[in-house]
Full PDB file with SEQRES, HELIX, SHEET, SSBOND, CRYST1, ORIGX, SCALE, CONECT and MASTER records, all heavy atoms in Angstrom:
SEQRES   1 A   36  PHE ASP GLU LEU ILE GLY LYS THR LEU VAL CYS ALA LEU          
SEQRES   2 A   36  ALA GLN THR LYS SER THR SER ALA ALA VAL VAL THR SER          
SEQRES   3 A   36  CYS ARG ILE ALA SER SER SER ILE GLU VAL                      
HELIX    1 AA1 ASP A    2  ILE A    5  1                                   4    
SHEET    1 AA1 2 ARG A  28  ALA A  30  0                                        
SHEET    2 AA1 2 SER A  33  GLU A  35 -1                                        
CRYST1    1.000    1.000    1.000  90.00  90.00  90.00 P 1           1          
ORIGX1      1.000000  0.000000  0.000000        0.00000                         
ORIGX2      0.000000  1.000000  0.000000        0.00000                         
ORIGX3      0.000000  0.000000  1.000000        0.00000                         
SCALE1      1.000000  0.000000  0.000000        0.00000                         
SCALE2      0.000000  1.000000  0.000000        0.00000                         
SCALE3      0.000000  0.000000  1.000000        0.00000                         
ATOM      1  N   PHE A   1      83.454  96.256  92.326  1.00  0.00           N  
ATOM      2  CA  PHE A   1      82.914  94.928  92.061  1.00  0.00           C  
ATOM      3  C   PHE A   1      81.474  94.995  91.557  1.00  0.00           C  
ATOM      4  O   PHE A   1      81.066  94.183  90.739  1.00  0.00           O  
ATOM      5  CB  PHE A   1      82.985  94.046  93.312  1.00  0.00           C  
ATOM      6  CG  PHE A   1      84.372  93.598  93.643  1.00  0.00           C  
ATOM      7  CD1 PHE A   1      85.094  94.200  94.663  1.00  0.00           C  
ATOM      8  CD2 PHE A   1      84.971  92.573  92.933  1.00  0.00           C  
ATOM      9  CE1 PHE A   1      86.378  93.787  94.971  1.00  0.00           C  
ATOM     10  CE2 PHE A   1      86.259  92.145  93.228  1.00  0.00           C  
ATOM     11  CZ  PHE A   1      86.968  92.757  94.251  1.00  0.00           C  
ATOM     12  N   ASP A   2      80.698  95.976  92.035  1.00  0.00           N  
ATOM     13  CA  ASP A   2      79.316  96.104  91.591  1.00  0.00           C  
ATOM     14  C   ASP A   2      79.269  96.401  90.098  1.00  0.00           C  
ATOM     15  O   ASP A   2      78.498  95.807  89.351  1.00  0.00           O  
ATOM     16  CB  ASP A   2      78.591  97.186  92.388  1.00  0.00           C  
ATOM     17  CG  ASP A   2      77.117  97.261  92.034  1.00  0.00           C  
ATOM     18  OD1 ASP A   2      76.482  96.191  91.905  1.00  0.00           O  
ATOM     19  OD2 ASP A   2      76.596  98.373  91.870  1.00  0.00           O  
ATOM     20  N   GLU A   3      80.117  97.312  89.673  1.00  0.00           N  
ATOM     21  CA  GLU A   3      80.161  97.670  88.248  1.00  0.00           C  
ATOM     22  C   GLU A   3      80.742  96.530  87.416  1.00  0.00           C  
ATOM     23  O   GLU A   3      80.293  96.243  86.311  1.00  0.00           O  
ATOM     24  CB  GLU A   3      81.014  98.929  88.055  1.00  0.00           C  
ATOM     25  CG  GLU A   3      81.042  99.440  86.639  1.00  0.00           C  
ATOM     26  CD  GLU A   3      81.831 100.724  86.527  1.00  0.00           C  
ATOM     27  OE1 GLU A   3      81.489 101.700  87.220  1.00  0.00           O  
ATOM     28  OE2 GLU A   3      82.798 100.728  85.753  1.00  0.00           O  
ATOM     29  N   LEU A   4      81.736  95.848  87.965  1.00  0.00           N  
ATOM     30  CA  LEU A   4      82.439  94.796  87.226  1.00  0.00           C  
ATOM     31  C   LEU A   4      81.645  93.494  87.129  1.00  0.00           C  
ATOM     32  O   LEU A   4      81.484  92.931  86.043  1.00  0.00           O  
ATOM     33  CB  LEU A   4      83.791  94.529  87.893  1.00  0.00           C  
ATOM     34  CG  LEU A   4      84.753  93.605  87.182  1.00  0.00           C  
ATOM     35  CD1 LEU A   4      85.236  94.250  85.891  1.00  0.00           C  
ATOM     36  CD2 LEU A   4      85.941  93.287  88.071  1.00  0.00           C  
ATOM     37  N   ILE A   5      81.110  93.006  88.269  1.00  0.00           N  
ATOM     38  CA  ILE A   5      80.427  91.705  88.273  1.00  0.00           C  
ATOM     39  C   ILE A   5      79.073  91.735  88.980  1.00  0.00           C  
ATOM     40  O   ILE A   5      78.469  90.697  89.219  1.00  0.00           O  
ATOM     41  CB  ILE A   5      81.303  90.603  88.913  1.00  0.00           C  
ATOM     42  CG1 ILE A   5      81.679  90.964  90.359  1.00  0.00           C  
ATOM     43  CG2 ILE A   5      82.527  90.321  88.076  1.00  0.00           C  
ATOM     44  CD1 ILE A   5      82.406  89.865  91.109  1.00  0.00           C  
ATOM     45  N   GLY A   6      78.593  92.915  89.341  1.00  0.00           N  
ATOM     46  CA  GLY A   6      77.282  93.026  89.978  1.00  0.00           C  
ATOM     47  C   GLY A   6      77.251  92.537  91.408  1.00  0.00           C  
ATOM     48  O   GLY A   6      76.219  92.088  91.891  1.00  0.00           O  
ATOM     49  N   LYS A   7      78.394  92.606  92.102  1.00  0.00           N  
ATOM     50  CA  LYS A   7      78.461  92.171  93.496  1.00  0.00           C  
ATOM     51  C   LYS A   7      79.080  93.274  94.353  1.00  0.00           C  
ATOM     52  O   LYS A   7      79.722  94.177  93.851  1.00  0.00           O  
ATOM     53  CB  LYS A   7      79.271  90.881  93.620  1.00  0.00           C  
ATOM     54  CG  LYS A   7      78.613  89.691  92.953  1.00  0.00           C  
ATOM     55  CD  LYS A   7      79.289  88.394  93.311  1.00  0.00           C  
ATOM     56  CE  LYS A   7      78.492  87.232  92.757  1.00  0.00           C  
ATOM     57  NZ  LYS A   7      78.810  85.984  93.437  1.00  0.00           N  
ATOM     58  N   THR A   8      78.903  93.158  95.673  1.00  0.00           N  
ATOM     59  CA  THR A   8      79.374  94.168  96.611  1.00  0.00           C  
ATOM     60  C   THR A   8      80.465  93.585  97.506  1.00  0.00           C  
ATOM     61  O   THR A   8      80.313  92.476  98.040  1.00  0.00           O  
ATOM     62  CB  THR A   8      78.210  94.653  97.497  1.00  0.00           C  
ATOM     63  OG1 THR A   8      77.185  95.162  96.643  1.00  0.00           O  
ATOM     64  CG2 THR A   8      78.652  95.736  98.459  1.00  0.00           C  
ATOM     65  N   LEU A   9      81.528  94.352  97.710  1.00  0.00           N  
ATOM     66  CA  LEU A   9      82.595  93.956  98.628  1.00  0.00           C  
ATOM     67  C   LEU A   9      82.072  94.073 100.054  1.00  0.00           C  
ATOM     68  O   LEU A   9      81.641  95.138 100.479  1.00  0.00           O  
ATOM     69  CB  LEU A   9      83.816  94.867  98.428  1.00  0.00           C  
ATOM     70  CG  LEU A   9      85.023  94.642  99.329  1.00  0.00           C  
ATOM     71  CD1 LEU A   9      85.632  93.253  99.079  1.00  0.00           C  
ATOM     72  CD2 LEU A   9      86.063  95.717  99.095  1.00  0.00           C  
ATOM     73  N   VAL A  10      82.075  92.948 100.796  1.00  0.00           N  
ATOM     74  CA  VAL A  10      81.535  92.956 102.166  1.00  0.00           C  
ATOM     75  C   VAL A  10      82.581  92.675 103.231  1.00  0.00           C  
ATOM     76  O   VAL A  10      82.345  92.935 104.411  1.00  0.00           O  
ATOM     77  CB  VAL A  10      80.361  91.957 102.334  1.00  0.00           C  
ATOM     78  CG1 VAL A  10      79.169  92.375 101.496  1.00  0.00           C  
ATOM     79  CG2 VAL A  10      80.789  90.540 102.016  1.00  0.00           C  
ATOM     80  N   CYS A  11      83.724  92.139 102.838  1.00  0.00           N  
ATOM     81  CA  CYS A  11      84.741  91.805 103.822  1.00  0.00           C  
ATOM     82  C   CYS A  11      86.107  91.802 103.153  1.00  0.00           C  
ATOM     83  O   CYS A  11      86.237  91.400 102.004  1.00  0.00           O  
ATOM     84  CB  CYS A  11      84.456  90.430 104.422  1.00  0.00           C  
ATOM     85  SG  CYS A  11      85.663  89.898 105.651  1.00  0.00           S  
ATOM     86  N   ALA A  12      87.104  92.275 103.876  1.00  0.00           N  
ATOM     87  CA  ALA A  12      88.473  92.248 103.364  1.00  0.00           C  
ATOM     88  C   ALA A  12      89.418  91.882 104.502  1.00  0.00           C  
ATOM     89  O   ALA A  12      89.254  92.340 105.630  1.00  0.00           O  
ATOM     90  CB  ALA A  12      88.857  93.607 102.792  1.00  0.00           C  
ATOM     91  N   LEU A  13      90.376  91.038 104.190  1.00  0.00           N  
ATOM     92  CA  LEU A  13      91.411  90.641 105.132  1.00  0.00           C  
ATOM     93  C   LEU A  13      92.755  90.867 104.471  1.00  0.00           C  
ATOM     94  O   LEU A  13      92.888  90.713 103.263  1.00  0.00           O  
ATOM     95  CB  LEU A  13      91.278  89.166 105.509  1.00  0.00           C  
ATOM     96  CG  LEU A  13      89.944  88.734 106.104  1.00  0.00           C  
ATOM     97  CD1 LEU A  13      89.854  87.219 106.141  1.00  0.00           C  
ATOM     98  CD2 LEU A  13      89.783  89.295 107.495  1.00  0.00           C  
ATOM     99  N   ALA A  14      93.756  91.220 105.251  1.00  0.00           N  
ATOM    100  CA  ALA A  14      95.095  91.440 104.712  1.00  0.00           C  
ATOM    101  C   ALA A  14      96.118  90.779 105.616  1.00  0.00           C  
ATOM    102  O   ALA A  14      95.938  90.714 106.832  1.00  0.00           O  
ATOM    103  CB  ALA A  14      95.390  92.937 104.611  1.00  0.00           C  
ATOM    104  N   GLN A  15      97.168  90.285 104.985  1.00  0.00           N  
ATOM    105  CA  GLN A  15      98.264  89.673 105.736  1.00  0.00           C  
ATOM    106  C   GLN A  15      99.560  89.955 105.003  1.00  0.00           C  
ATOM    107  O   GLN A  15      99.641  89.816 103.789  1.00  0.00           O  
ATOM    108  CB  GLN A  15      98.059  88.163 105.864  1.00  0.00           C  
ATOM    109  CG  GLN A  15      99.170  87.489 106.636  1.00  0.00           C  
ATOM    110  CD  GLN A  15      98.891  86.015 106.845  1.00  0.00           C  
ATOM    111  OE1 GLN A  15      97.775  85.555 106.759  1.00  0.00           O  
ATOM    112  NE2 GLN A  15      99.941  85.268 107.122  1.00  0.00           N  
ATOM    113  N   THR A  16     100.577  90.345 105.760  1.00  0.00           N  
ATOM    114  CA  THR A  16     101.881  90.548 105.139  1.00  0.00           C  
ATOM    115  C   THR A  16     102.492  89.193 104.810  1.00  0.00           C  
ATOM    116  O   THR A  16     102.178  88.196 105.446  1.00  0.00           O  
ATOM    117  CB  THR A  16     102.838  91.339 106.065  1.00  0.00           C  
ATOM    118  OG1 THR A  16     102.899  90.683 107.327  1.00  0.00           O  
ATOM    119  CG2 THR A  16     102.393  92.777 106.236  1.00  0.00           C  
ATOM    120  N   LYS A  17     103.355  89.189 103.801  1.00  0.00           N  
ATOM    121  CA  LYS A  17     104.039  87.946 103.436  1.00  0.00           C  
ATOM    122  C   LYS A  17     104.973  87.549 104.566  1.00  0.00           C  
ATOM    123  O   LYS A  17     105.425  88.387 105.350  1.00  0.00           O  
ATOM    124  CB  LYS A  17     104.839  88.144 102.141  1.00  0.00           C  
ATOM    125  CG  LYS A  17     103.990  88.474 100.950  1.00  0.00           C  
ATOM    126  CD  LYS A  17     103.239  87.252 100.511  1.00  0.00           C  
ATOM    127  CE  LYS A  17     102.611  87.496  99.160  1.00  0.00           C  
ATOM    128  NZ  LYS A  17     102.085  86.311  98.580  1.00  0.00           N  
ATOM    129  N   SER A  18     105.307  86.291 104.661  1.00  0.00           N  
ATOM    130  CA  SER A  18     106.087  85.772 105.785  1.00  0.00           C  
ATOM    131  C   SER A  18     107.485  86.375 105.892  1.00  0.00           C  
ATOM    132  O   SER A  18     108.079  86.370 106.959  1.00  0.00           O  
ATOM    133  CB  SER A  18     106.182  84.251 105.695  1.00  0.00           C  
ATOM    134  OG  SER A  18     106.827  83.885 104.493  1.00  0.00           O  
ATOM    135  N   THR A  19     108.014  86.916 104.800  1.00  0.00           N  
ATOM    136  CA  THR A  19     109.361  87.492 104.855  1.00  0.00           C  
ATOM    137  C   THR A  19     109.358  88.941 105.328  1.00  0.00           C  
ATOM    138  O   THR A  19     110.405  89.542 105.477  1.00  0.00           O  
ATOM    139  CB  THR A  19     110.032  87.432 103.471  1.00  0.00           C  
ATOM    140  OG1 THR A  19     109.204  88.137 102.536  1.00  0.00           O  
ATOM    141  CG2 THR A  19     110.230  86.000 103.030  1.00  0.00           C  
ATOM    142  N   SER A  20     108.194  89.500 105.578  1.00  0.00           N  
ATOM    143  CA  SER A  20     108.095  90.898 105.971  1.00  0.00           C  
ATOM    144  C   SER A  20     108.482  91.095 107.436  1.00  0.00           C  
ATOM    145  O   SER A  20     108.261  90.230 108.273  1.00  0.00           O  
ATOM    146  CB  SER A  20     106.664  91.397 105.764  1.00  0.00           C  
ATOM    147  OG  SER A  20     106.556  92.741 106.179  1.00  0.00           O  
ATOM    148  N   ALA A  21     109.054  92.253 107.726  1.00  0.00           N  
ATOM    149  CA  ALA A  21     109.400  92.613 109.101  1.00  0.00           C  
ATOM    150  C   ALA A  21     108.252  93.378 109.757  1.00  0.00           C  
ATOM    151  O   ALA A  21     108.432  94.009 110.780  1.00  0.00           O  
ATOM    152  CB  ALA A  21     110.653  93.466 109.105  1.00  0.00           C  
ATOM    153  N   ALA A  22     107.075  93.324 109.143  1.00  0.00           N  
ATOM    154  CA  ALA A  22     105.921  94.054 109.650  1.00  0.00           C  
ATOM    155  C   ALA A  22     104.709  93.135 109.730  1.00  0.00           C  
ATOM    156  O   ALA A  22     104.676  92.084 109.097  1.00  0.00           O  
ATOM    157  CB  ALA A  22     105.622  95.231 108.732  1.00  0.00           C  
ATOM    158  N   VAL A  23     103.719  93.533 110.519  1.00  0.00           N  
ATOM    159  CA  VAL A  23     102.480  92.778 110.655  1.00  0.00           C  
ATOM    160  C   VAL A  23     101.281  93.693 110.462  1.00  0.00           C  
ATOM    161  O   VAL A  23     101.319  94.863 110.830  1.00  0.00           O  
ATOM    162  CB  VAL A  23     102.374  92.073 112.032  1.00  0.00           C  
ATOM    163  CG1 VAL A  23     103.434  91.013 112.194  1.00  0.00           C  
ATOM    164  CG2 VAL A  23     102.464  93.072 113.163  1.00  0.00           C  
ATOM    165  N   VAL A  24     100.218  93.150 109.882  1.00  0.00           N  
ATOM    166  CA  VAL A  24      98.974  93.901 109.726  1.00  0.00           C  
ATOM    167  C   VAL A  24      98.269  93.922 111.073  1.00  0.00           C  
ATOM    168  O   VAL A  24      98.115  92.887 111.720  1.00  0.00           O  
ATOM    169  CB  VAL A  24      98.072  93.258 108.649  1.00  0.00           C  
ATOM    170  CG1 VAL A  24      96.693  93.891 108.645  1.00  0.00           C  
ATOM    171  CG2 VAL A  24      98.726  93.377 107.279  1.00  0.00           C  
ATOM    172  N   THR A  25      97.856  95.115 111.503  1.00  0.00           N  
ATOM    173  CA  THR A  25      97.154  95.238 112.778  1.00  0.00           C  
ATOM    174  C   THR A  25      95.660  95.473 112.594  1.00  0.00           C  
ATOM    175  O   THR A  25      94.881  95.216 113.508  1.00  0.00           O  
ATOM    176  CB  THR A  25      97.751  96.376 113.626  1.00  0.00           C  
ATOM    177  OG1 THR A  25      97.722  97.591 112.871  1.00  0.00           O  
ATOM    178  CG2 THR A  25      99.192  96.052 114.014  1.00  0.00           C  
ATOM    179  N   SER A  26      95.245  95.975 111.420  1.00  0.00           N  
ATOM    180  CA  SER A  26      93.811  96.121 111.139  1.00  0.00           C  
ATOM    181  C   SER A  26      93.593  96.262 109.637  1.00  0.00           C  
ATOM    182  O   SER A  26      94.503  96.632 108.894  1.00  0.00           O  
ATOM    183  CB  SER A  26      93.202  97.314 111.879  1.00  0.00           C  
ATOM    184  OG  SER A  26      93.653  98.530 111.321  1.00  0.00           O  
ATOM    185  N   CYS A  27      92.376  95.951 109.239  1.00  0.00           N  
ATOM    186  CA  CYS A  27      92.005  96.024 107.833  1.00  0.00           C  
ATOM    187  C   CYS A  27      90.512  96.299 107.778  1.00  0.00           C  
ATOM    188  O   CYS A  27      89.741  95.611 108.445  1.00  0.00           O  
ATOM    189  CB  CYS A  27      92.350  94.700 107.147  1.00  0.00           C  
ATOM    190  SG  CYS A  27      91.905  94.613 105.414  1.00  0.00           S  
ATOM    191  N   ARG A  28      90.109  97.328 107.001  1.00  0.00           N  
ATOM    192  CA  ARG A  28      88.677  97.621 106.897  1.00  0.00           C  
ATOM    193  C   ARG A  28      88.366  98.195 105.527  1.00  0.00           C  
ATOM    194  O   ARG A  28      89.233  98.764 104.863  1.00  0.00           O  
ATOM    195  CB  ARG A  28      88.216  98.569 107.999  1.00  0.00           C  
ATOM    196  CG  ARG A  28      88.693  99.986 107.839  1.00  0.00           C  
ATOM    197  CD  ARG A  28      88.162 100.895 108.946  1.00  0.00           C  
ATOM    198  NE  ARG A  28      88.439 102.275 108.652  1.00  0.00           N  
ATOM    199  CZ  ARG A  28      87.614 103.094 108.014  1.00  0.00           C  
ATOM    200  NH1 ARG A  28      86.441 102.677 107.612  1.00  0.00           N  
ATOM    201  NH2 ARG A  28      87.948 104.344 107.774  1.00  0.00           N  
ATOM    202  N   ILE A  29      87.115  98.049 105.130  1.00  0.00           N  
ATOM    203  CA  ILE A  29      86.651  98.604 103.861  1.00  0.00           C  
ATOM    204  C   ILE A  29      86.302 100.061 104.097  1.00  0.00           C  
ATOM    205  O   ILE A  29      85.567 100.397 105.018  1.00  0.00           O  
ATOM    206  CB  ILE A  29      85.419  97.833 103.350  1.00  0.00           C  
ATOM    207  CG1 ILE A  29      85.771  96.369 103.127  1.00  0.00           C  
ATOM    208  CG2 ILE A  29      84.885  98.464 102.074  1.00  0.00           C  
ATOM    209  CD1 ILE A  29      84.580  95.475 102.890  1.00  0.00           C  
ATOM    210  N   ALA A  30      86.844 100.936 103.246  1.00  0.00           N  
ATOM    211  CA  ALA A  30      86.566 102.373 103.326  1.00  0.00           C  
ATOM    212  C   ALA A  30      86.169 102.864 101.943  1.00  0.00           C  
ATOM    213  O   ALA A  30      87.024 103.163 101.125  1.00  0.00           O  
ATOM    214  CB  ALA A  30      87.787 103.125 103.832  1.00  0.00           C  
ATOM    215  N   SER A  31      84.895 102.900 101.650  1.00  0.00           N  
ATOM    216  CA  SER A  31      84.294 103.237 100.347  1.00  0.00           C  
ATOM    217  C   SER A  31      84.959 102.444  99.220  1.00  0.00           C  
ATOM    218  O   SER A  31      84.767 101.254  99.135  1.00  0.00           O  
ATOM    219  CB  SER A  31      84.284 104.750 100.114  1.00  0.00           C  
ATOM    220  OG  SER A  31      85.589 105.258  99.986  1.00  0.00           O  
ATOM    221  N   SER A  32      85.754 103.068  98.362  1.00  0.00           N  
ATOM    222  CA  SER A  32      86.325 102.358  97.205  1.00  0.00           C  
ATOM    223  C   SER A  32      87.749 101.867  97.457  1.00  0.00           C  
ATOM    224  O   SER A  32      88.493 101.596  96.534  1.00  0.00           O  
ATOM    225  CB  SER A  32      86.305 103.270  95.984  1.00  0.00           C  
ATOM    226  OG  SER A  32      87.160 104.373  96.203  1.00  0.00           O  
ATOM    227  N   SER A  33      88.119 101.763  98.726  1.00  0.00           N  
ATOM    228  CA  SER A  33      89.460 101.279  99.042  1.00  0.00           C  
ATOM    229  C   SER A  33      89.423 100.395 100.288  1.00  0.00           C  
ATOM    230  O   SER A  33      88.419 100.314 100.980  1.00  0.00           O  
ATOM    231  CB  SER A  33      90.418 102.459  99.261  1.00  0.00           C  
ATOM    232  OG  SER A  33      90.063 103.177 100.418  1.00  0.00           O  
ATOM    233  N   ILE A  34      90.536  99.728 100.527  1.00  0.00           N  
ATOM    234  CA  ILE A  34      90.703  98.940 101.739  1.00  0.00           C  
ATOM    235  C   ILE A  34      91.787  99.621 102.557  1.00  0.00           C  
ATOM    236  O   ILE A  34      92.890  99.844 102.063  1.00  0.00           O  
ATOM    237  CB  ILE A  34      91.095  97.485 101.401  1.00  0.00           C  
ATOM    238  CG1 ILE A  34      89.992  96.824 100.580  1.00  0.00           C  
ATOM    239  CG2 ILE A  34      91.379  96.702 102.674  1.00  0.00           C  
ATOM    240  CD1 ILE A  34      90.363  95.469 100.029  1.00  0.00           C  
ATOM    241  N   GLU A  35      91.456 100.004 103.785  1.00  0.00           N  
ATOM    242  CA  GLU A  35      92.412 100.672 104.669  1.00  0.00           C  
ATOM    243  C   GLU A  35      93.127  99.619 105.502  1.00  0.00           C  
ATOM    244  O   GLU A  35      92.492  98.832 106.190  1.00  0.00           O  
ATOM    245  CB  GLU A  35      91.689 101.653 105.576  1.00  0.00           C  
ATOM    246  CG  GLU A  35      92.617 102.410 106.490  1.00  0.00           C  
ATOM    247  CD  GLU A  35      91.849 103.302 107.438  1.00  0.00           C  
ATOM    248  OE1 GLU A  35      91.468 104.408 107.021  1.00  0.00           O  
ATOM    249  OE2 GLU A  35      91.610 102.872 108.580  1.00  0.00           O  
ATOM    250  N   VAL A  36      94.451  99.605 105.396  1.00  0.00           N  
ATOM    251  CA  VAL A  36      95.254  98.625 106.117  1.00  0.00           C  
ATOM    252  C   VAL A  36      96.213  99.359 107.050  1.00  0.00           C  
ATOM    253  O   VAL A  36      96.862 100.321 106.649  1.00  0.00           O  
ATOM    254  CB  VAL A  36      96.055  97.731 105.142  1.00  0.00           C  
ATOM    255  CG1 VAL A  36      96.875  96.705 105.897  1.00  0.00           C  
ATOM    256  CG2 VAL A  36      95.121  97.054 104.153  1.00  0.00           C  
TER     257      VAL A  36                                                      
MASTER        0    0    0    1    2    0    0    6  256    1    0    3          
END                                                                             
């Protein structure tokens, strides 16, 4: 985002779609990726 629009990723949230048989238990920013 810094290179693209000059901003920094500060928070990320994830949620599985309602039809999924799974649930997200944690989500965090890990350098250039989001760990879910």
